Amino acid sequence: MIRGAARHVRLYDIDAAKVEAEVLDLAHGSQFTGATDIAGGADLAHIEEPTS
């Protein structure tokens, strides 16, 4: 994120509270790194590639 190499960051963990805290931490820091979309959760749908 700092180098601008990641525009979309997706996190997954079976511990929903942990991954939500990580998403919030990264989102808080993203205000200094530019436009980055950060999401995550305990559902694998957060990290699946969209089908075209």
PDB file of N, CA and C in Angstrom:
ATOM      1  N   MET A   1       0.818  -1.190   0.000  1.00  0.00           N
ATOM      2  CA  MET A   1       0.000   0.000   0.000  1.00  0.00           C
ATOM      3  C   MET A   1       0.861   1.252   0.000  1.00  0.00           C
ATOM      4  N   ILE A   2       1.935   1.235   0.744  1.00  0.00           N
ATOM      5  CA  ILE A   2       2.787   2.422   0.834  1.00  0.00           C
ATOM      6  C   ILE A   2       3.420   2.739  -0.516  1.00  0.00           C
ATOM      7  N   ARG A   3       3.794   1.715  -1.255  1.00  0.00           N
ATOM      8  CA  ARG A   3       4.443   1.914  -2.559  1.00  0.00           C
ATOM      9  C   ARG A   3       3.435   2.112  -3.688  1.00  0.00           C
ATOM     10  N   GLY A   4       2.156   2.004  -3.395  1.00  0.00           N
ATOM     11  CA  GLY A   4       1.128   2.178  -4.411  1.00  0.00           C
ATOM     12  C   GLY A   4       0.925   0.949  -5.273  1.00  0.00           C
ATOM     13  N   ALA A   5       1.407  -0.208  -4.845  1.00  0.00           N
ATOM     14  CA  ALA A   5       1.308  -1.431  -5.627  1.00  0.00           C
ATOM     15  C   ALA A   5      -0.026  -2.150  -5.409  1.00  0.00           C
ATOM     16  N   ALA A   6      -0.764  -1.789  -4.368  1.00  0.00           N
ATOM     17  CA  ALA A   6      -2.021  -2.478  -4.064  1.00  0.00           C
ATOM     18  C   ALA A   6      -3.171  -1.486  -4.105  1.00  0.00           C
ATOM     19  N   ARG A   7      -4.074  -1.682  -5.050  1.00  0.00           N
ATOM     20  CA  ARG A   7      -5.259  -0.828  -5.110  1.00  0.00           C
ATOM     21  C   ARG A   7      -6.417  -1.466  -4.368  1.00  0.00           C
ATOM     22  N   HIS A   8      -6.417  -2.803  -4.307  1.00  0.00           N
ATOM     23  CA  HIS A   8      -7.478  -3.545  -3.627  1.00  0.00           C
ATOM     24  C   HIS A   8      -6.824  -4.528  -2.653  1.00  0.00           C
ATOM     25  N   VAL A   9      -7.175  -4.443  -1.386  1.00  0.00           N
ATOM     26  CA  VAL A   9      -6.643  -5.339  -0.367  1.00  0.00           C
ATOM     27  C   VAL A   9      -7.812  -6.091   0.242  1.00  0.00           C
ATOM     28  N   ARG A  10      -7.731  -7.406   0.228  1.00  0.00           N
ATOM     29  CA  ARG A  10      -8.781  -8.251   0.795  1.00  0.00           C
ATOM     30  C   ARG A  10      -8.166  -9.164   1.839  1.00  0.00           C
ATOM     31  N   LEU A  11      -8.791  -9.253   2.997  1.00  0.00           N
ATOM     32  CA  LEU A  11      -8.309 -10.086   4.084  1.00  0.00           C
ATOM     33  C   LEU A  11      -9.357 -11.136   4.449  1.00  0.00           C
ATOM     34  N   TYR A  12      -8.878 -12.280   4.879  1.00  0.00           N
ATOM     35  CA  TYR A  12      -9.767 -13.356   5.328  1.00  0.00           C
ATOM     36  C   TYR A  12      -9.175 -13.995   6.564  1.00  0.00           C
ATOM     37  N   ASP A  13     -10.030 -14.284   7.540  1.00  0.00           N
ATOM     38  CA  ASP A  13      -9.641 -15.026   8.737  1.00  0.00           C
ATOM     39  C   ASP A  13     -10.915 -15.610   9.324  1.00  0.00           C
ATOM     40  N   ILE A  14     -10.813 -16.784   9.916  1.00  0.00           N
ATOM     41  CA  ILE A  14     -12.003 -17.380  10.519  1.00  0.00           C
ATOM     42  C   ILE A  14     -12.436 -16.620  11.775  1.00  0.00           C
ATOM     43  N   ASP A  15     -11.534 -15.845  12.349  1.00  0.00           N
ATOM     44  CA  ASP A  15     -11.850 -15.005  13.505  1.00  0.00           C
ATOM     45  C   ASP A  15     -12.322 -13.644  12.982  1.00  0.00           C
ATOM     46  N   ALA A  16     -13.636 -13.474  12.892  1.00  0.00           N
ATOM     47  CA  ALA A  16     -14.213 -12.271  12.285  1.00  0.00           C
ATOM     48  C   ALA A  16     -13.782 -10.991  12.998  1.00  0.00           C
ATOM     49  N   ALA A  17     -13.740 -11.020  14.316  1.00  0.00           N
ATOM     50  CA  ALA A  17     -13.363  -9.816  15.063  1.00  0.00           C
ATOM     51  C   ALA A  17     -11.925  -9.412  14.761  1.00  0.00           C
ATOM     52  N   LYS A  18     -11.050 -10.396  14.631  1.00  0.00           N
ATOM     53  CA  LYS A  18      -9.640 -10.109  14.346  1.00  0.00           C
ATOM     54  C   LYS A  18      -9.477  -9.481  12.969  1.00  0.00           C
ATOM     55  N   VAL A  19     -10.122 -10.071  11.964  1.00  0.00           N
ATOM     56  CA  VAL A  19      -9.952  -9.550  10.607  1.00  0.00           C
ATOM     57  C   VAL A  19     -10.598  -8.172  10.471  1.00  0.00           C
ATOM     58  N   GLU A  20     -11.697  -7.931  11.157  1.00  0.00           N
ATOM     59  CA  GLU A  20     -12.308  -6.599  11.106  1.00  0.00           C
ATOM     60  C   GLU A  20     -11.391  -5.560  11.739  1.00  0.00           C
ATOM     61  N   ALA A  21     -10.698  -5.920  12.818  1.00  0.00           N
ATOM     62  CA  ALA A  21      -9.741  -5.002  13.438  1.00  0.00           C
ATOM     63  C   ALA A  21      -8.573  -4.718  12.497  1.00  0.00           C
ATOM     64  N   GLU A  22      -8.105  -5.745  11.785  1.00  0.00           N
ATOM     65  CA  GLU A  22      -7.017  -5.549  10.819  1.00  0.00           C
ATOM     66  C   GLU A  22      -7.456  -4.638   9.677  1.00  0.00           C
ATOM     67  N   VAL A  23      -8.673  -4.827   9.193  1.00  0.00           N
ATOM     68  CA  VAL A  23      -9.198  -3.978   8.122  1.00  0.00           C
ATOM     69  C   VAL A  23      -9.252  -2.531   8.590  1.00  0.00           C
ATOM     70  N   LEU A  24      -9.730  -2.304   9.815  1.00  0.00           N
ATOM     71  CA  LEU A  24      -9.795  -0.946  10.342  1.00  0.00           C
ATOM     72  C   LEU A  24      -8.405  -0.330  10.493  1.00  0.00           C
ATOM     73  N   ASP A  25      -7.444  -1.125  10.947  1.00  0.00           N
ATOM     74  CA  ASP A  25      -6.069  -0.624  11.070  1.00  0.00           C
ATOM     75  C   ASP A  25      -5.508  -0.211   9.721  1.00  0.00           C
ATOM     76  N   LEU A  26      -5.686  -1.057   8.717  1.00  0.00           N
ATOM     77  CA  LEU A  26      -5.179  -0.733   7.378  1.00  0.00           C
ATOM     78  C   LEU A  26      -5.920   0.459   6.782  1.00  0.00           C
ATOM     79  N   ALA A  27      -7.223   0.521   6.988  1.00  0.00           N
ATOM     80  CA  ALA A  27      -8.007   1.634   6.461  1.00  0.00           C
ATOM     81  C   ALA A  27      -7.573   2.947   7.103  1.00  0.00           C
ATOM     82  N   HIS A  28      -7.253   2.897   8.377  1.00  0.00           N
ATOM     83  CA  HIS A  28      -6.796   4.107   9.064  1.00  0.00           C
ATOM     84  C   HIS A  28      -5.484   4.596   8.458  1.00  0.00           C
ATOM     85  N   GLY A  29      -4.584   3.695   8.148  1.00  0.00           N
ATOM     86  CA  GLY A  29      -3.311   4.075   7.552  1.00  0.00           C
ATOM     87  C   GLY A  29      -3.410   4.445   6.089  1.00  0.00           C
ATOM     88  N   SER A  30      -4.468   4.007   5.411  1.00  0.00           N
ATOM     89  CA  SER A  30      -4.581   4.257   3.967  1.00  0.00           C
ATOM     90  C   SER A  30      -4.803   5.721   3.640  1.00  0.00           C
ATOM     91  N   GLN A  31      -5.203   6.513   4.608  1.00  0.00           N
ATOM     92  CA  GLN A  31      -5.391   7.933   4.329  1.00  0.00           C
ATOM     93  C   GLN A  31      -4.060   8.612   3.983  1.00  0.00           C
ATOM     94  N   PHE A  32      -2.947   7.967   4.317  1.00  0.00           N
ATOM     95  CA  PHE A  32      -1.627   8.512   4.004  1.00  0.00           C
ATOM     96  C   PHE A  32      -1.006   7.864   2.767  1.00  0.00           C
ATOM     97  N   THR A  33      -1.633   6.825   2.227  1.00  0.00           N
ATOM     98  CA  THR A  33      -1.030   6.093   1.116  1.00  0.00           C
ATOM     99  C   THR A  33      -1.758   6.274  -0.201  1.00  0.00           C
ATOM    100  N   GLY A  34      -2.826   7.014  -0.247  1.00  0.00           N
ATOM    101  CA  GLY A  34      -3.573   7.189  -1.483  1.00  0.00           C
ATOM    102  C   GLY A  34      -4.809   6.327  -1.507  1.00  0.00           C
ATOM    103  N   ALA A  35      -5.356   6.155  -2.684  1.00  0.00           N
ATOM    104  CA  ALA A  35      -6.626   5.447  -2.853  1.00  0.00           C
ATOM    105  C   ALA A  35      -6.417   3.939  -2.845  1.00  0.00           C
ATOM    106  N   THR A  36      -6.814   3.301  -1.758  1.00  0.00           N
ATOM    107  CA  THR A  36      -6.755   1.851  -1.644  1.00  0.00           C
ATOM    108  C   THR A  36      -8.079   1.372  -1.086  1.00  0.00           C
ATOM    109  N   ASP A  37      -8.633   0.343  -1.720  1.00  0.00           N
ATOM    110  CA  ASP A  37      -9.891  -0.258  -1.288  1.00  0.00           C
ATOM    111  C   ASP A  37      -9.558  -1.438  -0.377  1.00  0.00           C
ATOM    112  N   ILE A  38      -9.986  -1.395   0.881  1.00  0.00           N
ATOM    113  CA  ILE A  38      -9.661  -2.426   1.851  1.00  0.00           C
ATOM    114  C   ILE A  38     -10.948  -3.037   2.382  1.00  0.00           C
ATOM    115  N   ALA A  39     -11.034  -4.371   2.354  1.00  0.00           N
ATOM    116  CA  ALA A  39     -12.209  -5.075   2.877  1.00  0.00           C
ATOM    117  C   ALA A  39     -11.769  -6.435   3.384  1.00  0.00           C
ATOM    118  N   GLY A  40     -12.626  -7.053   4.173  1.00  0.00           N
ATOM    119  CA  GLY A  40     -12.309  -8.373   4.682  1.00  0.00           C
ATOM    120  C   GLY A  40     -13.402  -8.894   5.578  1.00  0.00           C
ATOM    121  N   GLY A  41     -13.250 -10.150   5.974  1.00  0.00           N
ATOM    122  CA  GLY A  41     -14.221 -10.759   6.855  1.00  0.00           C
ATOM    123  C   GLY A  41     -13.973 -12.240   7.019  1.00  0.00           C
ATOM    124  N   ALA A  42     -14.909 -12.903   7.667  1.00  0.00           N
ATOM    125  CA  ALA A  42     -14.794 -14.327   7.938  1.00  0.00           C
ATOM    126  C   ALA A  42     -15.425 -15.172   6.830  1.00  0.00           C
ATOM    127  N   ASP A  43     -15.884 -14.529   5.775  1.00  0.00           N
ATOM    128  CA  ASP A  43     -16.514 -15.216   4.653  1.00  0.00           C
ATOM    129  C   ASP A  43     -15.540 -15.233   3.474  1.00  0.00           C
ATOM    130  N   LEU A  44     -15.359 -16.394   2.865  1.00  0.00           N
ATOM    131  CA  LEU A  44     -14.423 -16.502   1.732  1.00  0.00           C
ATOM    132  C   LEU A  44     -14.837 -15.655   0.534  1.00  0.00           C
ATOM    133  N   ALA A  45     -16.072 -15.212   0.504  1.00  0.00           N
ATOM    134  CA  ALA A  45     -16.530 -14.369  -0.609  1.00  0.00           C
ATOM    135  C   ALA A  45     -15.728 -13.079  -0.686  1.00  0.00           C
ATOM    136  N   HIS A  46     -15.128 -12.650   0.401  1.00  0.00           N
ATOM    137  CA  HIS A  46     -14.346 -11.417   0.393  1.00  0.00           C
ATOM    138  C   HIS A  46     -13.081 -11.536  -0.443  1.00  0.00           C
ATOM    139  N   ILE A  47     -12.552 -12.738  -0.601  1.00  0.00           N
ATOM    140  CA  ILE A  47     -11.282 -12.885  -1.312  1.00  0.00           C
ATOM    141  C   ILE A  47     -11.422 -13.583  -2.651  1.00  0.00           C
ATOM    142  N   GLU A  48     -12.628 -13.976  -3.022  1.00  0.00           N
ATOM    143  CA  GLU A  48     -12.822 -14.661  -4.304  1.00  0.00           C
ATOM    144  C   GLU A  48     -12.717 -13.679  -5.452  1.00  0.00           C
ATOM    145  N   GLU A  49     -12.158 -14.148  -6.544  1.00  0.00           N
ATOM    146  CA  GLU A  49     -12.068 -13.341  -7.760  1.00  0.00           C
ATOM    147  C   GLU A  49     -13.457 -13.235  -8.387  1.00  0.00           C
ATOM    148  N   PRO A  50     -13.832 -12.052  -8.818  1.00  0.00           N
ATOM    149  CA  PRO A  50     -15.120 -11.940  -9.507  1.00  0.00           C
ATOM    150  C   PRO A  50     -15.057 -12.628 -10.872  1.00  0.00           C
ATOM    151  N   THR A  51     -16.124 -13.287 -11.250  1.00  0.00           N
ATOM    152  CA  THR A  51     -16.174 -13.948 -12.562  1.00  0.00           C
ATOM    153  C   THR A  51     -16.695 -12.964 -13.595  1.00  0.00           C
ATOM    154  N   SER A  52     -16.131 -13.019 -14.788  1.00  0.00           N
ATOM    155  CA  SER A  52     -16.568 -12.091 -15.827  1.00  0.00           C
ATOM    156  C   SER A  52     -17.531 -12.741 -16.764  1.00  0.00           C
TER     157      SER A  52
END
